[in-house]
Amino acid sequence: MYLEHFGLREFPFTITPDTSYFFSYGHYADALNTLLVALRIGEGFIKVTGEVGTGKTLLCRKLLNSLDEQTVTAYLPNPQLTPSALGFALAEELGLELPRNLGQHRVLKHVSQHLIDLNAAGKNVVLCLDEAQAMPLETLEALRLLTNLETEKRKLVQVVMFGQPELDARLSRPSTRQLRQRITFSYTLPPIDRRGLQAYVAHRLHVAGYSGGGLFQPGALALLYRASGGVPRLINILCHKALMVAYGRGDRAVTRAHMRTAARDTQDAQRGTDAGRFWKWSGAAVVVLAVAVYLVVRKEGL
């Protein structure tokens, strides 16, 4: 598509959690450092919350990649599990092969013994739960009981929960107060601020191989901030669409007009921007973007 036109090696604004694009700026750097310090000192439960699209999964992947060789990691991307399924999932992540007909008690016994063995070998164990707001309450309680295992100096397994703000609501219930009291470190990921947005866009372009300057004009960046609210996922979607529009029109830079078209075509773009004022004409915007895509296809001879 537009890679050669803009001098890019790869698409810079995909929404997959590629850790090479991790934005070590402001609260993202603070969040990663907080997690690493908390794990280093042996805390049992750590919580990171943020709205949809603020980069929790990417932060989780970056954390897993940043841990040393003495750390054994387990990653559960979908914690919507029963207590029994949680035990099997954790066992599988830790490399244990257990018969499926084992009861929950036997599974946890095997997992517990394996954690003790890993600790004796000088290994730390970190379990990362993504989308933790979806975990059933009874599974949260099973997770708390699992973390009761500890030596005189540290927990045998440390748990980092990543979730949407609904996780805080679930933890505020009386039935989860014991778990809530064990969370010693918490961090909330806010959207990217206005100053950081320009650095974020430049960072992703640089990682993707762009070596020029001023690809996104100031007016386009200003509209991008208002339309995205600083949410990284929306920033990526809008930038990708704006680049498509610019390429389809044969332009070498993304202007405010290109970004306005991208915003009109994006359902979650913030209303109240000049893109939002034309919201009722979003159908026309889809047509404009479709024309841009058609021009792209024609250029590439597809």
Protein backbone atom coordinates (compact mmCIF):
# COMPACT_ATOMS: atom_id res chain seq x y z
CA MET A 1 0.00 0.00 0.00
CA TYR A 2 1.62 3.26 1.14
CA LEU A 3 4.94 1.90 2.47
CA GLU A 4 7.15 2.84 -0.48
CA HIS A 5 5.33 6.13 -1.02
CA PHE A 6 6.23 7.36 2.48
CA GLY A 7 9.57 5.55 2.82
CA LEU A 8 8.42 3.04 5.44
CA ARG A 9 9.74 -0.45 6.06
CA GLU A 10 6.55 -1.71 7.72
CA PHE A 11 3.15 -0.42 8.77
CA PRO A 12 3.74 1.85 11.78
CA PHE A 13 0.21 2.02 13.16
CA THR A 14 -0.99 -1.55 13.50
CA ILE A 15 -3.03 -2.35 16.61
CA THR A 16 -1.25 -5.62 17.41
CA PRO A 17 0.80 -5.53 20.67
CA ASP A 18 4.28 -5.48 19.08
CA THR A 19 6.78 -4.74 21.87
CA SER A 20 9.25 -3.14 19.44
CA TYR A 21 6.76 -0.24 19.33
CA PHE A 22 6.53 0.14 23.11
CA PHE A 23 6.45 3.86 23.86
CA SER A 24 8.79 4.43 26.79
CA TYR A 25 7.46 7.87 27.62
CA GLY A 26 5.81 9.43 30.65
CA HIS A 27 3.35 7.18 32.39
CA TYR A 28 4.21 4.18 30.19
CA ALA A 29 7.81 4.27 31.37
CA ASP A 30 6.60 4.91 34.93
CA ALA A 31 4.22 1.96 34.78
CA LEU A 32 6.88 -0.43 33.50
CA ASN A 33 9.38 0.72 36.13
CA THR A 34 6.75 0.39 38.87
CA LEU A 35 6.01 -3.18 37.83
CA LEU A 36 9.67 -4.17 37.64
CA VAL A 37 10.43 -2.69 41.06
CA ALA A 38 7.36 -4.29 42.66
CA LEU A 39 8.29 -7.70 41.26
CA ARG A 40 11.90 -7.30 42.31
CA ILE A 41 10.97 -6.77 45.94
CA GLY A 42 8.63 -9.75 45.94
CA GLU A 43 5.15 -8.23 46.17
CA GLY A 44 2.31 -10.73 45.77
CA PHE A 45 -0.43 -8.85 43.90
CA ILE A 46 -0.01 -5.93 41.50
CA LYS A 47 -2.80 -4.25 39.53
CA VAL A 48 -2.76 -2.14 36.37
CA THR A 49 -5.99 -0.64 35.07
CA GLY A 50 -6.83 1.49 32.07
CA GLU A 51 -9.59 2.19 29.61
CA VAL A 52 -9.99 0.17 26.42
CA GLY A 53 -7.14 0.86 24.00
CA THR A 54 -4.72 2.52 26.45
CA GLY A 55 -2.01 -0.09 25.92
CA LYS A 56 -2.41 -2.57 28.79
CA THR A 57 -1.71 -5.66 26.67
CA LEU A 58 1.38 -4.08 25.11
CA LEU A 59 2.63 -3.12 28.59
CA CYS A 60 2.02 -6.69 29.74
CA ARG A 61 4.01 -8.13 26.83
CA LYS A 62 6.80 -5.63 27.41
CA LEU A 63 6.95 -6.59 31.08
CA LEU A 64 7.20 -10.28 30.23
CA ASN A 65 10.04 -9.55 27.80
CA SER A 66 11.86 -7.41 30.38
CA LEU A 67 12.11 -10.05 33.11
CA ASP A 68 15.42 -11.85 33.62
CA GLU A 69 16.24 -15.51 33.09
CA GLN A 70 15.67 -16.29 36.76
CA THR A 71 11.98 -15.55 36.31
CA VAL A 72 9.50 -18.16 35.12
CA THR A 73 6.49 -16.47 33.53
CA ALA A 74 2.91 -17.54 32.95
CA TYR A 75 0.55 -15.51 30.78
CA LEU A 76 -3.22 -15.93 30.68
CA PRO A 77 -4.80 -13.67 28.02
CA ASN A 78 -8.33 -14.87 28.76
CA PRO A 79 -8.95 -15.31 32.50
CA GLN A 80 -12.66 -16.01 32.09
CA LEU A 81 -12.03 -19.40 33.68
CA THR A 82 -13.53 -21.56 36.39
CA PRO A 83 -11.30 -22.22 39.42
CA SER A 84 -10.55 -25.69 38.06
CA ALA A 85 -9.70 -24.36 34.58
CA LEU A 86 -7.44 -21.74 36.16
CA GLY A 87 -5.43 -24.48 37.84
CA PHE A 88 -5.02 -26.40 34.58
CA ALA A 89 -4.15 -23.23 32.63
CA LEU A 90 -1.49 -22.24 35.16
CA ALA A 91 -0.09 -25.79 35.20
CA GLU A 92 0.18 -25.76 31.41
CA GLU A 93 1.91 -22.37 31.41
CA LEU A 94 4.43 -23.71 33.95
CA GLY A 95 5.18 -26.74 31.77
CA LEU A 96 3.25 -29.33 33.78
CA GLU A 97 1.37 -32.04 31.92
CA LEU A 98 -1.50 -33.20 34.09
CA PRO A 99 -4.30 -35.69 33.33
CA ARG A 100 -7.55 -33.93 32.56
CA ASN A 101 -9.47 -36.11 34.96
CA LEU A 102 -7.67 -34.71 38.01
CA GLY A 103 -9.83 -32.85 40.49
CA GLN A 104 -9.21 -29.23 41.41
CA HIS A 105 -7.55 -30.14 44.71
CA ARG A 106 -5.04 -32.49 43.05
CA VAL A 107 -4.26 -29.96 40.32
CA LEU A 108 -3.50 -27.23 42.85
CA LYS A 109 -1.39 -29.69 44.83
CA HIS A 110 0.77 -30.41 41.77
CA VAL A 111 1.04 -26.71 40.95
CA SER A 112 1.97 -25.87 44.54
CA GLN A 113 4.70 -28.50 44.63
CA HIS A 114 6.09 -27.24 41.31
CA LEU A 115 6.18 -23.69 42.68
CA ILE A 116 8.08 -24.96 45.73
CA ASP A 117 10.57 -26.76 43.47
CA LEU A 118 11.09 -23.65 41.33
CA ASN A 119 11.72 -21.57 44.43
CA ALA A 120 14.26 -24.11 45.67
CA ALA A 121 16.02 -23.78 42.31
CA GLY A 122 16.26 -20.00 42.78
CA LYS A 123 13.50 -19.17 40.31
CA ASN A 124 10.82 -16.50 40.66
CA VAL A 125 7.36 -17.11 39.20
CA VAL A 126 5.25 -14.30 37.74
CA LEU A 127 1.69 -14.81 36.53
CA CYS A 128 0.26 -12.09 34.27
CA LEU A 129 -3.51 -11.93 33.79
CA ASP A 130 -4.82 -9.85 30.92
CA GLU A 131 -8.45 -8.67 30.82
CA ALA A 132 -8.69 -9.51 34.53
CA GLN A 133 -12.02 -7.69 34.86
CA ALA A 134 -13.58 -10.75 33.18
CA MET A 135 -12.40 -13.22 35.83
CA PRO A 136 -15.31 -14.73 37.81
CA LEU A 137 -15.40 -13.89 41.51
CA GLU A 138 -14.93 -17.50 42.57
CA THR A 139 -11.84 -17.74 40.36
CA LEU A 140 -10.44 -14.56 41.91
CA GLU A 141 -10.82 -16.23 45.30
CA ALA A 142 -9.06 -19.38 44.04
CA LEU A 143 -6.25 -17.18 42.78
CA ARG A 144 -5.94 -15.54 46.20
CA LEU A 145 -5.73 -18.91 47.91
CA LEU A 146 -3.01 -19.99 45.49
CA THR A 147 -0.90 -17.00 46.45
CA ASN A 148 -1.04 -18.02 50.11
CA LEU A 149 2.00 -20.14 49.31
CA GLU A 150 5.10 -18.32 50.51
CA THR A 151 8.45 -18.73 52.16
CA GLU A 152 9.61 -16.64 55.10
CA LYS A 153 10.89 -14.03 52.65
CA ARG A 154 8.70 -13.99 49.55
CA LYS A 155 5.65 -15.29 47.70
CA LEU A 156 6.07 -18.41 45.57
CA VAL A 157 4.05 -16.79 42.78
CA GLN A 158 3.53 -13.11 42.05
CA VAL A 159 0.42 -12.00 40.18
CA VAL A 160 0.07 -8.96 37.92
CA MET A 161 -3.50 -8.18 36.90
CA PHE A 162 -4.22 -6.00 33.86
CA GLY A 163 -7.80 -4.90 33.46
CA GLN A 164 -10.33 -2.25 32.52
CA PRO A 165 -11.77 0.05 35.23
CA GLU A 166 -14.50 -2.53 35.83
CA LEU A 167 -11.83 -4.53 37.67
CA ASP A 168 -11.79 -1.92 40.43
CA ALA A 169 -15.56 -2.22 40.75
CA ARG A 170 -15.30 -5.99 41.15
CA LEU A 171 -12.56 -5.67 43.74
CA SER A 172 -14.60 -3.15 45.73
CA ARG A 173 -17.14 -5.83 46.65
CA PRO A 174 -17.13 -7.14 50.24
CA SER A 175 -16.52 -10.69 48.97
CA THR A 176 -13.16 -9.69 47.44
CA ARG A 177 -11.85 -7.54 50.30
CA GLN A 178 -9.17 -10.07 51.23
CA LEU A 179 -7.76 -9.99 47.72
CA ARG A 180 -8.09 -6.21 47.53
CA GLN A 181 -6.02 -5.83 50.71
CA ARG A 182 -3.22 -7.89 49.18
CA ILE A 183 -2.76 -5.56 46.21
CA THR A 184 0.27 -3.56 47.28
CA PHE A 185 1.00 -1.77 44.01
CA SER A 186 -1.58 -0.25 41.65
CA TYR A 187 -1.16 1.82 38.53
CA THR A 188 -3.73 3.48 36.26
CA LEU A 189 -2.81 4.07 32.62
CA PRO A 190 -4.22 7.41 31.44
CA PRO A 191 -4.39 8.37 27.75
CA ILE A 192 -1.38 10.05 26.15
CA ASP A 193 -1.23 13.79 26.80
CA ARG A 194 -1.13 16.41 24.06
CA ARG A 195 2.65 16.85 24.24
CA GLY A 196 3.26 13.13 24.21
CA LEU A 197 1.09 12.48 21.17
CA GLN A 198 3.56 14.04 18.73
CA ALA A 199 6.39 12.02 20.28
CA TYR A 200 4.26 8.86 20.09
CA VAL A 201 3.56 9.32 16.38
CA ALA A 202 7.21 10.13 15.65
CA HIS A 203 8.36 7.09 17.66
CA ARG A 204 6.19 4.66 15.73
CA LEU A 205 7.22 6.17 12.40
CA HIS A 206 10.89 5.87 13.37
CA VAL A 207 10.54 2.21 14.38
CA ALA A 208 8.79 1.54 11.06
CA GLY A 209 11.78 2.95 9.17
CA TYR A 210 10.71 6.52 8.43
CA SER A 211 13.68 8.89 8.25
CA GLY A 212 12.09 12.08 6.98
CA GLY A 213 10.39 14.86 8.87
CA GLY A 214 6.98 16.47 9.15
CA LEU A 215 4.96 13.58 7.77
CA PHE A 216 2.01 14.66 9.94
CA GLN A 217 1.38 18.39 9.76
CA PRO A 218 0.64 20.31 13.00
CA GLY A 219 -3.02 20.75 12.09
CA ALA A 220 -3.37 17.01 11.53
CA LEU A 221 -1.79 16.27 14.91
CA ALA A 222 -4.04 18.75 16.68
CA LEU A 223 -7.13 17.15 15.19
CA LEU A 224 -5.71 13.69 15.89
CA TYR A 225 -5.44 14.51 19.59
CA ARG A 226 -9.00 15.80 19.82
CA ALA A 227 -10.45 12.93 17.79
CA SER A 228 -8.57 10.18 19.65
CA GLY A 229 -8.64 11.62 23.17
CA GLY A 230 -5.04 10.40 23.45
CA VAL A 231 -6.07 6.72 23.36
CA PRO A 232 -3.24 4.82 21.60
CA ARG A 233 -5.49 2.36 19.77
CA LEU A 234 -7.56 5.18 18.29
CA ILE A 235 -4.40 7.12 17.43
CA ASN A 236 -3.13 4.11 15.47
CA ILE A 237 -6.42 3.60 13.64
CA LEU A 238 -6.74 7.27 12.70
CA CYS A 239 -3.11 7.60 11.59
CA HIS A 240 -3.34 4.49 9.42
CA LYS A 241 -6.49 5.74 7.73
CA ALA A 242 -5.08 9.24 7.27
CA LEU A 243 -1.96 7.79 5.60
CA MET A 244 -4.22 5.79 3.28
CA VAL A 245 -6.15 8.93 2.34
CA ALA A 246 -2.96 10.94 1.73
CA TYR A 247 -1.47 8.18 -0.39
CA GLY A 248 -4.68 7.76 -2.36
CA ARG A 249 -4.56 11.46 -3.23
CA GLY A 250 -0.84 11.35 -4.05
CA ASP A 251 0.14 13.68 -1.17
CA ARG A 252 3.49 13.40 0.65
CA ALA A 253 2.26 14.66 4.02
CA VAL A 254 -0.82 14.10 6.15
CA THR A 255 -2.88 17.27 6.45
CA ARG A 256 -5.78 18.26 8.64
CA ALA A 257 -8.13 17.41 5.76
CA HIS A 258 -6.77 13.87 5.56
CA MET A 259 -7.16 13.42 9.32
CA ARG A 260 -10.68 14.83 9.21
CA THR A 261 -11.64 12.20 6.65
CA ALA A 262 -10.10 9.47 8.81
CA ALA A 263 -11.97 10.72 11.88
CA ARG A 264 -15.31 10.82 10.08
CA ASP A 265 -14.79 7.19 9.12
CA THR A 266 -13.93 6.06 12.69
CA GLN A 267 -16.90 5.31 14.90
CA ASP A 268 -15.17 5.92 18.25
CA ALA A 269 -13.52 9.21 17.25
CA GLN A 270 -14.45 11.91 19.76
CA ARG A 271 -17.46 14.02 18.98
CA GLY A 272 -17.09 17.71 19.56
CA THR A 273 -14.10 18.01 17.24
CA ASP A 274 -14.41 19.55 13.82
CA ALA A 275 -14.54 15.92 12.70
CA GLY A 276 -17.41 15.39 15.11
CA ARG A 277 -19.34 18.37 13.80
CA PHE A 278 -19.62 16.52 10.52
CA TRP A 279 -20.64 13.27 12.23
CA LYS A 280 -24.02 13.19 10.55
CA TRP A 281 -22.19 12.98 7.23
CA SER A 282 -20.12 9.98 8.27
CA GLY A 283 -21.65 8.00 5.42
CA ALA A 284 -20.14 10.47 2.98
CA ALA A 285 -16.82 10.10 4.75
CA VAL A 286 -16.92 6.35 4.20
CA VAL A 287 -17.39 7.05 0.49
CA VAL A 288 -14.38 9.39 0.51
CA LEU A 289 -12.21 6.81 2.23
CA ALA A 290 -13.45 4.12 -0.14
CA VAL A 291 -12.39 6.30 -3.08
CA ALA A 292 -8.97 6.70 -1.48
CA VAL A 293 -8.65 2.92 -1.15
CA TYR A 294 -9.73 2.53 -4.78
CA LEU A 295 -6.99 4.92 -5.86
CA VAL A 296 -4.48 2.91 -3.81
CA VAL A 297 -5.53 -0.28 -5.55
CA ARG A 298 -5.25 1.34 -8.97
CA LYS A 299 -1.75 2.63 -8.18
CA GLU A 300 -0.60 -0.83 -7.23
CA GLY A 301 -2.20 -2.41 -10.25
CA LEU A 302 -4.27 -4.90 -8.24
